[in-house]
N, C-alpha and C. Protein backbone atom coordinates (compact mmCIF):
# COMPACT_ATOMS: atom_id res chain seq x y z
N MET A 1 15.46 1.21 10.58
CA MET A 1 15.41 -0.15 10.23
C MET A 1 16.43 -0.93 11.07
N ARG A 2 16.05 -2.13 11.43
CA ARG A 2 16.98 -2.94 12.18
C ARG A 2 18.06 -3.48 11.28
N PRO A 3 19.26 -3.87 11.77
CA PRO A 3 20.33 -4.34 10.97
C PRO A 3 19.95 -5.57 10.05
N PRO A 4 19.18 -6.55 10.50
CA PRO A 4 18.88 -7.60 9.57
C PRO A 4 18.01 -7.16 8.45
N GLU A 5 17.17 -6.19 8.69
CA GLU A 5 16.37 -5.63 7.57
C GLU A 5 17.22 -4.84 6.60
N GLN A 6 18.20 -4.13 7.18
CA GLN A 6 19.08 -3.32 6.35
C GLN A 6 19.95 -4.22 5.45
N ALA A 7 20.34 -5.37 5.96
CA ALA A 7 21.19 -6.29 5.27
C ALA A 7 20.45 -6.85 4.05
N LYS A 8 19.16 -6.98 4.08
CA LYS A 8 18.33 -7.53 3.01
C LYS A 8 18.13 -6.45 1.96
N VAL A 9 18.10 -5.15 2.33
CA VAL A 9 17.76 -4.09 1.38
C VAL A 9 18.99 -3.50 0.75
N LEU A 10 20.15 -3.47 1.44
CA LEU A 10 21.33 -2.85 0.88
C LEU A 10 21.77 -3.36 -0.48
N PRO A 11 21.71 -4.66 -0.71
CA PRO A 11 22.11 -5.10 -2.15
C PRO A 11 21.19 -4.51 -3.21
N VAL A 12 19.97 -4.28 -2.89
CA VAL A 12 19.07 -3.67 -3.87
C VAL A 12 19.52 -2.28 -4.22
N PHE A 13 19.86 -1.49 -3.26
CA PHE A 13 20.24 -0.11 -3.47
C PHE A 13 21.66 -0.06 -4.01
N ARG A 14 22.50 -0.94 -3.69
CA ARG A 14 23.86 -1.02 -4.32
C ARG A 14 23.70 -1.25 -5.85
N ARG A 15 22.81 -2.15 -6.16
CA ARG A 15 22.64 -2.47 -7.62
C ARG A 15 22.08 -1.20 -8.34
N ILE A 16 21.16 -0.48 -7.70
CA ILE A 16 20.63 0.72 -8.30
C ILE A 16 21.76 1.69 -8.44
N ALA A 17 22.65 1.88 -7.41
CA ALA A 17 23.67 2.81 -7.46
C ALA A 17 24.66 2.48 -8.60
N GLU A 18 24.96 1.23 -8.79
CA GLU A 18 25.88 0.81 -9.83
C GLU A 18 25.38 0.94 -11.19
N THR A 19 24.14 0.57 -11.41
CA THR A 19 23.58 0.48 -12.80
C THR A 19 22.54 1.53 -13.11
N GLY A 20 21.91 2.14 -12.08
CA GLY A 20 20.86 3.05 -12.29
C GLY A 20 19.51 2.41 -12.38
N ARG A 21 19.49 1.09 -12.36
CA ARG A 21 18.21 0.36 -12.43
C ARG A 21 18.37 -0.93 -11.60
N HIS A 22 17.20 -1.40 -11.14
CA HIS A 22 17.23 -2.70 -10.43
C HIS A 22 16.98 -3.79 -11.51
N PRO A 23 17.67 -4.91 -11.40
CA PRO A 23 17.62 -5.88 -12.43
C PRO A 23 16.20 -6.59 -12.55
N SER A 24 15.45 -6.56 -11.48
CA SER A 24 14.16 -7.21 -11.48
C SER A 24 13.01 -6.18 -11.70
N ILE A 25 12.26 -6.29 -12.82
CA ILE A 25 11.17 -5.42 -13.03
C ILE A 25 10.13 -5.60 -11.92
N LEU A 26 10.05 -6.73 -11.34
CA LEU A 26 9.07 -6.95 -10.28
C LEU A 26 9.40 -6.16 -9.02
N ARG A 27 10.67 -5.83 -8.80
CA ARG A 27 11.11 -5.13 -7.61
C ARG A 27 11.29 -3.66 -7.87
N PHE A 28 11.29 -3.19 -9.09
CA PHE A 28 11.62 -1.76 -9.38
C PHE A 28 10.64 -1.34 -10.47
N LYS A 29 9.73 -0.42 -10.15
CA LYS A 29 8.82 0.05 -11.16
C LYS A 29 8.42 1.49 -10.99
N LYS A 30 8.05 2.06 -12.07
CA LYS A 30 7.57 3.46 -12.12
C LYS A 30 6.13 3.46 -11.64
N ILE A 31 5.83 4.35 -10.71
CA ILE A 31 4.47 4.35 -10.21
C ILE A 31 3.70 5.58 -10.69
N GLU A 32 4.34 6.64 -10.95
CA GLU A 32 3.74 7.80 -11.60
C GLU A 32 4.87 8.78 -11.94
N ASP A 33 4.44 9.92 -12.48
CA ASP A 33 5.40 10.89 -12.99
C ASP A 33 6.62 11.12 -12.11
N GLY A 34 7.72 10.50 -12.44
CA GLY A 34 8.96 10.69 -11.69
C GLY A 34 9.16 9.94 -10.42
N LEU A 35 8.10 9.21 -9.97
CA LEU A 35 8.22 8.46 -8.72
C LEU A 35 8.39 6.91 -9.06
N TRP A 36 9.32 6.31 -8.36
CA TRP A 36 9.64 4.92 -8.57
C TRP A 36 9.37 4.13 -7.19
N GLU A 37 9.12 2.87 -7.31
CA GLU A 37 8.90 2.08 -6.19
C GLU A 37 9.96 0.95 -6.27
N VAL A 38 10.64 0.71 -5.09
CA VAL A 38 11.64 -0.37 -4.94
C VAL A 38 11.07 -1.28 -3.83
N LYS A 39 10.83 -2.51 -4.18
CA LYS A 39 10.33 -3.47 -3.20
C LYS A 39 11.49 -4.22 -2.54
N GLY A 40 11.53 -4.15 -1.21
CA GLY A 40 12.48 -4.87 -0.48
C GLY A 40 11.74 -6.16 0.08
N ASP A 41 12.34 -6.73 1.02
CA ASP A 41 11.77 -7.96 1.66
C ASP A 41 10.45 -7.63 2.34
N ARG A 42 10.47 -6.68 3.28
CA ARG A 42 9.33 -6.31 4.05
C ARG A 42 8.82 -4.89 3.87
N PHE A 43 9.55 -4.14 3.02
CA PHE A 43 9.31 -2.74 2.88
C PHE A 43 9.16 -2.38 1.38
N ARG A 44 8.49 -1.26 1.11
CA ARG A 44 8.50 -0.69 -0.22
C ARG A 44 9.07 0.71 -0.02
N PHE A 45 9.99 1.07 -0.88
CA PHE A 45 10.65 2.39 -0.85
C PHE A 45 10.17 3.17 -2.02
N ILE A 46 9.81 4.42 -1.79
CA ILE A 46 9.34 5.26 -2.92
C ILE A 46 10.34 6.43 -3.05
N GLY A 47 10.70 6.74 -4.26
CA GLY A 47 11.74 7.74 -4.44
C GLY A 47 11.75 8.21 -5.89
N ALA A 48 12.77 8.98 -6.21
CA ALA A 48 12.92 9.47 -7.51
C ALA A 48 14.43 9.69 -7.82
N TYR A 49 14.75 9.85 -9.09
CA TYR A 49 16.08 10.14 -9.51
C TYR A 49 16.34 11.57 -9.38
N GLY A 50 17.51 11.96 -8.81
CA GLY A 50 17.90 13.37 -8.70
C GLY A 50 18.53 13.85 -9.97
N ALA A 51 18.98 15.14 -9.90
CA ALA A 51 19.58 15.78 -11.11
C ALA A 51 20.84 15.12 -11.52
N ARG A 52 21.61 14.54 -10.58
CA ARG A 52 22.84 13.84 -10.87
C ARG A 52 22.69 12.37 -11.17
N GLY A 53 21.48 11.90 -11.20
CA GLY A 53 21.22 10.50 -11.46
C GLY A 53 21.14 9.59 -10.22
N GLU A 54 21.30 10.23 -9.07
CA GLU A 54 21.19 9.46 -7.87
C GLU A 54 19.74 9.14 -7.49
N PHE A 55 19.49 8.01 -6.83
CA PHE A 55 18.19 7.71 -6.48
C PHE A 55 17.97 8.17 -5.04
N ILE A 56 16.86 8.98 -4.85
CA ILE A 56 16.59 9.59 -3.56
C ILE A 56 15.39 8.86 -2.99
N VAL A 57 15.55 8.19 -1.83
CA VAL A 57 14.48 7.57 -1.14
C VAL A 57 13.74 8.58 -0.36
N ALA A 58 12.39 8.67 -0.66
CA ALA A 58 11.58 9.72 0.01
C ALA A 58 10.76 9.15 1.10
N HIS A 59 10.32 7.87 0.97
CA HIS A 59 9.37 7.31 1.87
C HIS A 59 9.53 5.80 1.95
N ARG A 60 9.25 5.22 3.12
CA ARG A 60 9.34 3.72 3.31
C ARG A 60 7.91 3.34 3.77
N ALA A 61 7.41 2.33 3.20
CA ALA A 61 6.09 1.77 3.64
C ALA A 61 6.23 0.28 3.85
N ARG A 62 5.56 -0.22 4.82
CA ARG A 62 5.59 -1.64 5.07
C ARG A 62 4.73 -2.39 4.04
N ASN A 63 5.17 -3.54 3.60
CA ASN A 63 4.34 -4.28 2.56
C ASN A 63 3.00 -4.70 3.14
N LYS A 64 2.95 -5.22 4.38
CA LYS A 64 1.73 -5.57 5.04
C LYS A 64 0.73 -6.41 4.13
N GLN A 65 1.33 -7.31 3.39
CA GLN A 65 0.56 -8.23 2.53
C GLN A 65 -0.26 -7.43 1.45
N ARG A 66 0.16 -6.30 1.13
CA ARG A 66 -0.56 -5.53 0.06
C ARG A 66 0.07 -5.79 -1.29
N ARG A 67 -0.76 -5.78 -2.31
CA ARG A 67 -0.28 -5.91 -3.66
C ARG A 67 -0.01 -4.49 -4.30
N PHE A 68 -0.40 -3.45 -3.61
CA PHE A 68 -0.25 -2.12 -4.23
C PHE A 68 0.08 -1.06 -3.15
N LEU A 69 0.59 0.04 -3.54
CA LEU A 69 0.83 1.14 -2.60
C LEU A 69 -0.47 1.86 -2.36
N TRP A 70 -0.54 2.37 -1.16
CA TRP A 70 -1.74 3.19 -0.77
C TRP A 70 -1.39 4.65 -1.25
N GLN A 71 -2.42 5.34 -1.60
CA GLN A 71 -2.30 6.73 -2.14
C GLN A 71 -1.59 7.62 -1.08
N PRO A 72 -1.88 7.50 0.21
CA PRO A 72 -1.19 8.38 1.16
C PRO A 72 0.32 8.18 1.12
N ASP A 73 0.81 6.95 0.85
CA ASP A 73 2.25 6.70 0.81
C ASP A 73 2.85 7.49 -0.38
N ILE A 74 2.16 7.50 -1.51
CA ILE A 74 2.64 8.18 -2.70
C ILE A 74 2.59 9.71 -2.46
N VAL A 75 1.50 10.20 -1.89
CA VAL A 75 1.44 11.67 -1.50
C VAL A 75 2.52 12.10 -0.60
N THR A 76 2.85 11.29 0.39
CA THR A 76 3.92 11.55 1.36
C THR A 76 5.24 11.61 0.65
N ALA A 77 5.54 10.66 -0.22
CA ALA A 77 6.82 10.63 -0.95
C ALA A 77 6.93 11.88 -1.85
N ALA A 78 5.86 12.22 -2.51
CA ALA A 78 5.91 13.40 -3.41
C ALA A 78 6.17 14.65 -2.58
N ARG A 79 5.54 14.79 -1.46
CA ARG A 79 5.75 15.94 -0.60
C ARG A 79 7.19 16.11 -0.12
N VAL A 80 7.75 14.90 0.30
CA VAL A 80 9.10 14.93 0.82
C VAL A 80 10.08 15.36 -0.29
N LEU A 81 9.89 14.81 -1.46
CA LEU A 81 10.75 15.14 -2.58
C LEU A 81 10.64 16.60 -2.96
N ARG A 82 9.45 17.17 -2.97
CA ARG A 82 9.20 18.54 -3.26
C ARG A 82 9.89 19.41 -2.18
N GLU A 83 9.74 19.09 -0.93
CA GLU A 83 10.36 19.88 0.12
C GLU A 83 11.93 19.78 0.05
N ASP A 84 12.43 18.61 -0.33
CA ASP A 84 13.85 18.44 -0.49
C ASP A 84 14.38 19.34 -1.65
N ALA A 85 13.64 19.33 -2.75
CA ALA A 85 14.04 20.19 -3.90
C ALA A 85 14.02 21.68 -3.52
N GLU A 86 13.04 22.04 -2.73
CA GLU A 86 12.95 23.50 -2.33
C GLU A 86 14.06 23.84 -1.41
N GLY A 87 14.49 22.90 -0.57
CA GLY A 87 15.60 23.13 0.37
C GLY A 87 16.98 23.16 -0.33
N ARG A 88 17.11 22.58 -1.48
CA ARG A 88 18.36 22.54 -2.20
C ARG A 88 18.53 23.84 -3.00
N ARG A 89 17.55 24.63 -3.17
CA ARG A 89 17.65 25.93 -3.96
C ARG A 89 18.40 26.96 -3.18
């Protein structure tokens, strides 16, 4: 991500780090078993909470004027999280 895009997204993740949740239900929602979506300005981040309560970003998708995530984005995020969990063992 370019620095201007990072500047817009960092406050969202700082808030999640501090409180464990994003204050806006419109920007932070559960999409399926253990996966959460965080909407930024131009991107959607898919991730999950780790064993220590940290939020792990697994995939980034461009909004592209979509109202919903595409299934391939969800599948990719689930795969990345699964591979990360296997690597931590």
